[in-house]
Structures are given as structure tokens and as C-alpha cells.
Amino acid sequence: MIAETDRIQVRPLIEADLADYQRILRIPAMAVANGSPVATAPDLMANWFEQDRHSPFAFAVIDRAHRRFVGAIFYYQHEGPAQTRPIGTYDLGYFLEPAMWGKGLMPEAVQASFDLVVRGTAGSVTLWADCLTTNHRSQRVLEKLGFVPGQPGVVQNPGADAVAVNWFSKQLG
């Protein structure tokens, strides 16, 4: 399952992406943007990578001009008790190398990933996403993609304090 635009390729996340995944998440601006500790241990990031890689849909974002990993997109099974968890409901997560911010790549990549998710599921898909209330760039990405803002909330990030977030939702298919 691969999706391409003129500028990016969205392909499954593979084990060989670990070094680039860690390189990007070590960038201080990334830690600030996603509310994680600035100095995260490599073994903890490797654990995050394995969890992310095994999410229902895990994609690498590849810059086609330079043929390099610049970000990732993940669709996690939506939280909640298994017996009440609706089928086809996912939480969207993503990150992009800060040098690529402000170029419209993440909306382009997430939009391309929608097609892969719809093809990989049977029926409609409900997506949820959250971002820090201070992360205006991510909020704009979600708005450009047609997500509807919901109620603000608080989430506990692994290894960090609880943070204030804005929730968004979208229906696919």
C-alpha cells in the first residue's frame, strides 16, 4: 500500500525507519510540538517506534525530491473498552521534521493516507485527533483536512506531564 503525490510518498513504516524516526523525535522543536520530554532515551523511542509500527495503519512520509524519511502518520485503534469500541474508529497521530514545516506537506501526506486507510477497511471510518492547544500548526493541518473541532481536553503523554489538547473528528468513506 503506497500513495504518492508530486512531492511525497506515503508507504508502510518499516524497521529500517527507526534511525530517522529517532532523529526527528530528538529535535527539540518536535518535543515541544508534541508535548514529550526533550531528552527522551533512545530505548524509549525504540519502544514507541515498535508500538507505532504495529498500529493498524503506520506510514512513513518520504520526501520524493531527496528520497528521505521526513515524518510519519499513525492510525491507532480508538481508546475505550473493547466491547464498546466501534469498529473502524481510529486515533490519528503524525509528525513531520521541523525543517519541512509550513510547506503544506503534512496535509498532503495525511490526505494521501486517507485513501490507504479507506482501502484497508470495510465500511466507513471515524477518525479522532488531538493536538496541544499551543500547536497552532497542527490545528491548521486538521482544519485543512476537514476535521471538526470538538471539546478541549487533557491527555497524559508517556514520560511527560498532562497537557491541554484540542480534539477533532472526521468521517471517511
C-alpha atoms as a PDB file:
ATOM      1  CA  MET A   1       0.000   0.000   0.000  1.00  0.00           C
ATOM      2  CA  ILE A   2       1.692   3.143  -1.260  1.00  0.00           C
ATOM      3  CA  ALA A   3       0.271   6.563  -2.076  1.00  0.00           C
ATOM      4  CA  GLU A   4       2.188   9.261  -3.919  1.00  0.00           C
ATOM      5  CA  THR A   5       1.849  12.909  -4.804  1.00  0.00           C
ATOM      6  CA  ASP A   6       4.317  15.038  -6.741  1.00  0.00           C
ATOM      7  CA  ARG A   7       6.210  15.821  -3.530  1.00  0.00           C
ATOM      8  CA  ILE A   8       5.766  12.906  -1.143  1.00  0.00           C
ATOM      9  CA  GLN A   9       5.330   9.185  -0.909  1.00  0.00           C
ATOM     10  CA  VAL A  10       3.318   7.559   1.888  1.00  0.00           C
ATOM     11  CA  ARG A  11       4.353   3.961   2.432  1.00  0.00           C
ATOM     12  CA  PRO A  12       4.202   1.440   5.284  1.00  0.00           C
ATOM     13  CA  LEU A  13       6.534   2.155   8.181  1.00  0.00           C
ATOM     14  CA  ILE A  14       9.356  -0.421   8.229  1.00  0.00           C
ATOM     15  CA  GLU A  15      12.009  -1.444  10.735  1.00  0.00           C
ATOM     16  CA  ALA A  16      14.706   0.402   8.753  1.00  0.00           C
ATOM     17  CA  ASP A  17      12.915   3.717   9.535  1.00  0.00           C
ATOM     18  CA  LEU A  18      13.867   3.582  13.237  1.00  0.00           C
ATOM     19  CA  ALA A  19      17.008   5.768  12.987  1.00  0.00           C
ATOM     20  CA  ASP A  20      15.181   8.545  11.125  1.00  0.00           C
ATOM     21  CA  TYR A  21      12.193   8.278  13.474  1.00  0.00           C
ATOM     22  CA  GLN A  22      14.538   8.763  16.454  1.00  0.00           C
ATOM     23  CA  ARG A  23      16.496  11.549  14.707  1.00  0.00           C
ATOM     24  CA  ILE A  24      13.331  13.578  14.147  1.00  0.00           C
ATOM     25  CA  LEU A  25      11.886  12.996  17.618  1.00  0.00           C
ATOM     26  CA  ARG A  26      15.201  14.145  19.178  1.00  0.00           C
ATOM     27  CA  ILE A  27      14.814  17.596  17.603  1.00  0.00           C
ATOM     28  CA  PRO A  28      13.830  19.974  20.462  1.00  0.00           C
ATOM     29  CA  ALA A  29      11.110  21.665  18.388  1.00  0.00           C
ATOM     30  CA  MET A  30       9.457  18.252  17.900  1.00  0.00           C
ATOM     31  CA  ALA A  31       9.387  17.595  21.640  1.00  0.00           C
ATOM     32  CA  VAL A  32       7.781  20.980  22.230  1.00  0.00           C
ATOM     33  CA  ALA A  33       5.226  20.408  19.442  1.00  0.00           C
ATOM     34  CA  ASN A  34       4.089  17.028  20.764  1.00  0.00           C
ATOM     35  CA  GLY A  35       4.473  17.602  24.498  1.00  0.00           C
ATOM     36  CA  SER A  36       7.130  14.957  25.088  1.00  0.00           C
ATOM     37  CA  PRO A  37      10.356  15.294  27.081  1.00  0.00           C
ATOM     38  CA  VAL A  38      13.190  16.977  25.170  1.00  0.00           C
ATOM     39  CA  ALA A  39      15.749  14.343  26.202  1.00  0.00           C
ATOM     40  CA  THR A  40      13.975  11.051  25.588  1.00  0.00           C
ATOM     41  CA  ALA A  41      16.080   7.901  25.946  1.00  0.00           C
ATOM     42  CA  PRO A  42      16.768   6.058  22.655  1.00  0.00           C
ATOM     43  CA  ASP A  43      15.387   2.787  24.056  1.00  0.00           C
ATOM     44  CA  LEU A  44      12.111   4.520  24.965  1.00  0.00           C
ATOM     45  CA  MET A  45      11.889   5.947  21.435  1.00  0.00           C
ATOM     46  CA  ALA A  46      12.594   2.471  20.037  1.00  0.00           C
ATOM     47  CA  ASN A  47       9.696   1.176  22.133  1.00  0.00           C
ATOM     48  CA  TRP A  48       7.438   3.970  20.806  1.00  0.00           C
ATOM     49  CA  PHE A  49       8.538   3.068  17.272  1.00  0.00           C
ATOM     50  CA  GLU A  50       7.606  -0.593  17.715  1.00  0.00           C
ATOM     51  CA  GLN A  51       4.208   0.361  19.107  1.00  0.00           C
ATOM     52  CA  ASP A  52       3.671   2.861  16.284  1.00  0.00           C
ATOM     53  CA  ARG A  53       4.858   0.397  13.647  1.00  0.00           C
ATOM     54  CA  HIS A  54       2.264  -2.119  14.812  1.00  0.00           C
ATOM     55  CA  SER A  55      -0.653   0.298  14.894  1.00  0.00           C
ATOM     56  CA  PRO A  56      -3.430  -0.684  12.435  1.00  0.00           C
ATOM     57  CA  PHE A  57      -2.037   1.686   9.797  1.00  0.00           C
ATOM     58  CA  ALA A  58       1.516   3.042  10.187  1.00  0.00           C
ATOM     59  CA  PHE A  59       3.070   5.069   7.388  1.00  0.00           C
ATOM     60  CA  ALA A  60       6.385   6.739   6.634  1.00  0.00           C
ATOM     61  CA  VAL A  61       6.308  10.087   4.847  1.00  0.00           C
ATOM     62  CA  ILE A  62       9.077  10.196   2.258  1.00  0.00           C
ATOM     63  CA  ASP A  63      10.280  13.407   0.584  1.00  0.00           C
ATOM     64  CA  ARG A  64      10.412  12.289  -3.059  1.00  0.00           C
ATOM     65  CA  ALA A  65      12.876  15.021  -4.123  1.00  0.00           C
ATOM     66  CA  HIS A  66      15.525  13.848  -1.640  1.00  0.00           C
ATOM     67  CA  ARG A  67      14.301  10.254  -1.150  1.00  0.00           C
ATOM     68  CA  ARG A  68      14.355  10.503   2.627  1.00  0.00           C
ATOM     69  CA  PHE A  69      12.105   9.883   5.608  1.00  0.00           C
ATOM     70  CA  VAL A  70      10.697  13.191   6.866  1.00  0.00           C
ATOM     71  CA  GLY A  71       7.770  12.112   9.015  1.00  0.00           C
ATOM     72  CA  ALA A  72       5.213   9.517   9.962  1.00  0.00           C
ATOM     73  CA  ILE A  73       1.457   9.015  10.175  1.00  0.00           C
ATOM     74  CA  PHE A  74      -0.249   6.547  12.513  1.00  0.00           C
ATOM     75  CA  TYR A  75      -3.787   5.322  12.952  1.00  0.00           C
ATOM     76  CA  TYR A  76      -4.268   3.751  16.387  1.00  0.00           C
ATOM     77  CA  GLN A  77      -7.311   1.753  17.466  1.00  0.00           C
ATOM     78  CA  HIS A  78      -9.530   4.297  19.232  1.00  0.00           C
ATOM     79  CA  GLU A  79      -9.302   4.149  23.040  1.00  0.00           C
ATOM     80  CA  GLY A  80     -12.094   2.683  25.119  1.00  0.00           C
ATOM     81  CA  PRO A  81     -13.319  -0.661  26.428  1.00  0.00           C
ATOM     82  CA  ALA A  82     -13.057  -3.350  23.730  1.00  0.00           C
ATOM     83  CA  GLN A  83     -16.747  -4.229  23.970  1.00  0.00           C
ATOM     84  CA  THR A  84     -17.810  -0.600  23.294  1.00  0.00           C
ATOM     85  CA  ARG A  85     -15.063   0.328  20.829  1.00  0.00           C
ATOM     86  CA  PRO A  86     -16.704   0.982  17.458  1.00  0.00           C
ATOM     87  CA  ILE A  87     -15.163  -0.879  14.515  1.00  0.00           C
ATOM     88  CA  GLY A  88     -13.454   1.479  12.085  1.00  0.00           C
ATOM     89  CA  THR A  89     -12.692   4.149  14.694  1.00  0.00           C
ATOM     90  CA  TYR A  90      -9.094   5.330  14.874  1.00  0.00           C
ATOM     91  CA  ASP A  91      -6.979   7.990  16.549  1.00  0.00           C
ATOM     92  CA  LEU A  92      -4.742   9.817  14.085  1.00  0.00           C
ATOM     93  CA  GLY A  93      -1.187  10.773  15.004  1.00  0.00           C
ATOM     94  CA  TYR A  94       1.560  12.278  12.893  1.00  0.00           C
ATOM     95  CA  PHE A  95       4.821  14.174  12.964  1.00  0.00           C
ATOM     96  CA  LEU A  96       6.989  15.937  10.420  1.00  0.00           C
ATOM     97  CA  GLU A  97      10.587  17.055  10.508  1.00  0.00           C
ATOM     98  CA  PRO A  98      10.580  20.746  11.565  1.00  0.00           C
ATOM     99  CA  ALA A  99      12.644  21.797   8.513  1.00  0.00           C
ATOM    100  CA  MET A 100       9.621  20.727   6.428  1.00  0.00           C
ATOM    101  CA  TRP A 101       7.003  22.630   8.452  1.00  0.00           C
ATOM    102  CA  GLY A 102       4.967  25.325   6.728  1.00  0.00           C
ATOM    103  CA  LYS A 103       5.208  23.787   3.237  1.00  0.00           C
ATOM    104  CA  GLY A 104       1.845  22.012   3.189  1.00  0.00           C
ATOM    105  CA  LEU A 105       3.437  18.550   3.229  1.00  0.00           C
ATOM    106  CA  MET A 106       1.593  17.115   6.218  1.00  0.00           C
ATOM    107  CA  PRO A 107      -1.934  17.874   4.960  1.00  0.00           C
ATOM    108  CA  GLU A 108      -0.858  16.408   1.613  1.00  0.00           C
ATOM    109  CA  ALA A 109       0.560  13.267   3.260  1.00  0.00           C
ATOM    110  CA  VAL A 110      -2.377  12.702   5.611  1.00  0.00           C
ATOM    111  CA  GLN A 111      -4.827  13.198   2.738  1.00  0.00           C
ATOM    112  CA  ALA A 112      -2.924  10.560   0.738  1.00  0.00           C
ATOM    113  CA  SER A 113      -3.016   8.212   3.743  1.00  0.00           C
ATOM    114  CA  PHE A 114      -6.827   8.536   3.945  1.00  0.00           C
ATOM    115  CA  ASP A 115      -7.098   6.627   0.673  1.00  0.00           C
ATOM    116  CA  LEU A 116      -4.908   3.827   2.058  1.00  0.00           C
ATOM    117  CA  VAL A 117      -6.977   3.571   5.237  1.00  0.00           C
ATOM    118  CA  VAL A 118     -10.287   3.516   3.375  1.00  0.00           C
ATOM    119  CA  ARG A 119      -8.955   0.797   1.034  1.00  0.00           C
ATOM    120  CA  GLY A 120      -7.731  -1.205   4.032  1.00  0.00           C
ATOM    121  CA  THR A 121     -11.011  -1.156   5.945  1.00  0.00           C
ATOM    122  CA  ALA A 122     -14.514  -2.331   5.237  1.00  0.00           C
ATOM    123  CA  GLY A 123     -17.049   0.462   5.551  1.00  0.00           C
ATOM    124  CA  SER A 124     -16.807   3.960   6.901  1.00  0.00           C
ATOM    125  CA  VAL A 125     -14.039   5.184   9.178  1.00  0.00           C
ATOM    126  CA  THR A 126     -14.314   7.633  12.048  1.00  0.00           C
ATOM    127  CA  LEU A 127     -11.118   9.490  12.915  1.00  0.00           C
ATOM    128  CA  TRP A 128     -10.200  11.325  16.095  1.00  0.00           C
ATOM    129  CA  ALA A 129      -7.168  13.549  16.521  1.00  0.00           C
ATOM    130  CA  ASP A 130      -5.831  15.748  19.260  1.00  0.00           C
ATOM    131  CA  CYS A 131      -3.085  18.322  19.376  1.00  0.00           C
ATOM    132  CA  LEU A 132      -1.701  20.619  22.006  1.00  0.00           C
ATOM    133  CA  THR A 133      -3.725  23.799  22.408  1.00  0.00           C
ATOM    134  CA  THR A 134      -0.461  25.663  21.707  1.00  0.00           C
ATOM    135  CA  ASN A 135       0.273  23.726  18.485  1.00  0.00           C
ATOM    136  CA  HIS A 136      -1.453  26.021  16.015  1.00  0.00           C
ATOM    137  CA  ARG A 137       0.289  24.428  13.005  1.00  0.00           C
ATOM    138  CA  SER A 138      -1.182  21.018  13.786  1.00  0.00           C
ATOM    139  CA  GLN A 139      -4.608  22.547  14.360  1.00  0.00           C
ATOM    140  CA  ARG A 140      -4.389  24.146  10.896  1.00  0.00           C
ATOM    141  CA  VAL A 141      -3.411  20.778   9.370  1.00  0.00           C
ATOM    142  CA  LEU A 142      -6.511  19.165  10.863  1.00  0.00           C
ATOM    143  CA  GLU A 143      -8.748  22.047   9.782  1.00  0.00           C
ATOM    144  CA  LYS A 144      -7.369  21.907   6.199  1.00  0.00           C
ATOM    145  CA  LEU A 145      -8.223  18.193   6.158  1.00  0.00           C
ATOM    146  CA  GLY A 146     -11.829  18.841   7.160  1.00  0.00           C
ATOM    147  CA  PHE A 147     -11.657  17.736  10.790  1.00  0.00           C
ATOM    148  CA  VAL A 148     -14.320  19.276  13.010  1.00  0.00           C
ATOM    149  CA  PRO A 149     -13.115  20.808  16.296  1.00  0.00           C
ATOM    150  CA  GLY A 150     -14.573  19.356  19.481  1.00  0.00           C
ATOM    151  CA  GLN A 151     -14.205  19.969  23.188  1.00  0.00           C
ATOM    152  CA  PRO A 152     -10.789  20.766  24.677  1.00  0.00           C
ATOM    153  CA  GLY A 153      -9.401  18.104  26.982  1.00  0.00           C
ATOM    154  CA  VAL A 154      -6.337  16.870  28.831  1.00  0.00           C
ATOM    155  CA  VAL A 155      -4.136  13.893  27.923  1.00  0.00           C
ATOM    156  CA  GLN A 156      -1.245  12.197  29.679  1.00  0.00           C
ATOM    157  CA  ASN A 157       1.720  11.691  27.349  1.00  0.00           C
ATOM    158  CA  PRO A 158       4.143   8.871  28.238  1.00  0.00           C
ATOM    159  CA  GLY A 159       7.028  10.242  30.286  1.00  0.00           C
ATOM    160  CA  ALA A 160       5.567  13.755  30.469  1.00  0.00           C
ATOM    161  CA  ASP A 161       3.074  15.820  32.414  1.00  0.00           C
ATOM    162  CA  ALA A 162      -0.586  16.010  31.428  1.00  0.00           C
ATOM    163  CA  VAL A 163      -1.156  18.518  28.635  1.00  0.00           C
ATOM    164  CA  ALA A 164      -4.128  20.522  27.374  1.00  0.00           C
ATOM    165  CA  VAL A 165      -5.313  19.466  23.922  1.00  0.00           C
ATOM    166  CA  ASN A 166      -7.951  20.299  21.364  1.00  0.00           C
ATOM    167  CA  TRP A 167      -9.944  17.343  19.973  1.00  0.00           C
ATOM    168  CA  PHE A 168     -11.012  16.993  16.339  1.00  0.00           C
ATOM    169  CA  SER A 169     -13.054  14.399  14.424  1.00  0.00           C
ATOM    170  CA  LYS A 170     -13.685  13.417  10.815  1.00  0.00           C
ATOM    171  CA  GLN A 171     -15.672  10.774   8.935  1.00  0.00           C
ATOM    172  CA  LEU A 172     -14.157   8.968   5.923  1.00  0.00           C
ATOM    173  CA  GLY A 173     -15.934   6.854   3.342  1.00  0.00           C
END
